[in-house]
Amino acid sequence: MIRNSIEQKGKLHRRKSHSVPDETNTGSAGCISRLISHMEKIDSKIFLARMEAGCGAQLTYKAGSAEKLKGGYAVMKLVFIIGDAAVGKMTVGQELMSMTKLRLFHNHMTIEPVIEIFGRYDGKTIAEMRDLIFRNFAASENEGMIFTMMMDFDMPSEWEYLEHIKGIFEPYGTEFYYVELIAPQEIRLKRNVSENRLKHKASKRDIESSNQRLINDDRNHRCVSYEGEITFDNYLRIENSDMAPVDAARLIKETFHL
């Protein structure tokens, strides 16, 4: 596993896309034209409410616009918490959910039931379950989701999966936020046996096997980004070795005004 130098705690990255904007697809009219093809697939009441106000709100959000929209709907928010195994994604997500109106969907919420039913990990079933949850949640009246995931930055398929998830939410004018948590292996091995982790992740209760899997993942996958590699708007990189989960969650909330 290649490990890059760790940045100052809580440094926020905001970068613009280098692509040239399509003038025909800017503003509310362009937003509506991009979204109208999805109408037959989704809840029309929620779609129209978010579409009518969400497009303009998304464009003005970076200038500090209010989040409440016409019809009482807020702009849907999707917060990705990305990081290595046992870095604290779920725990930080739990704390963030407790202080916002966002709902937590951590990756083991689909992994554990599938292992229990199939007796093994089944990636196809897990992916299908997640897609169903994403689609139904995006069309719901909920204000937003926190989704946690490991990501190997060297694998194009991982970047494609991130875009796949975003593609499900984009028709609803969703705003996207990206949080990367970073901690060294020795810290994560200690967290790998925490009571909260073992309570929610039955597949981690074989400690020896789980620790070895973490070490092997570190050796075979690069789950820490390089400096400047992530160029999304609304990206926050946190070195959370010595940061309590509630403090990391508060930093995320305050940085993104969630």
Foldseek 3Di string as FASTA:
>chain_A
DDDADADDFWDWAFFDDPDDDDPCLADLNNLCVVQVVCCVPADNVLLCQLSVWLRVCLVCVVVPDDQAGPPRAGAEEEEEEEEAAQLCLVVLQVLLVVVDQAAEDELVVLQVVCCVVVVDGDVVSSVVVVVVVLLVVLRDRGRYYYYYDFAFPVDPVRVVVVVVSVVSNVSSSYDYAYEYEDEDLVLSLVSLPDPVNCVRHVVSVVPVVNNVVSVVCVVVGHRDDYVPPDHHGRYIYGHCSPPDSNRSSVSSCVVSVD
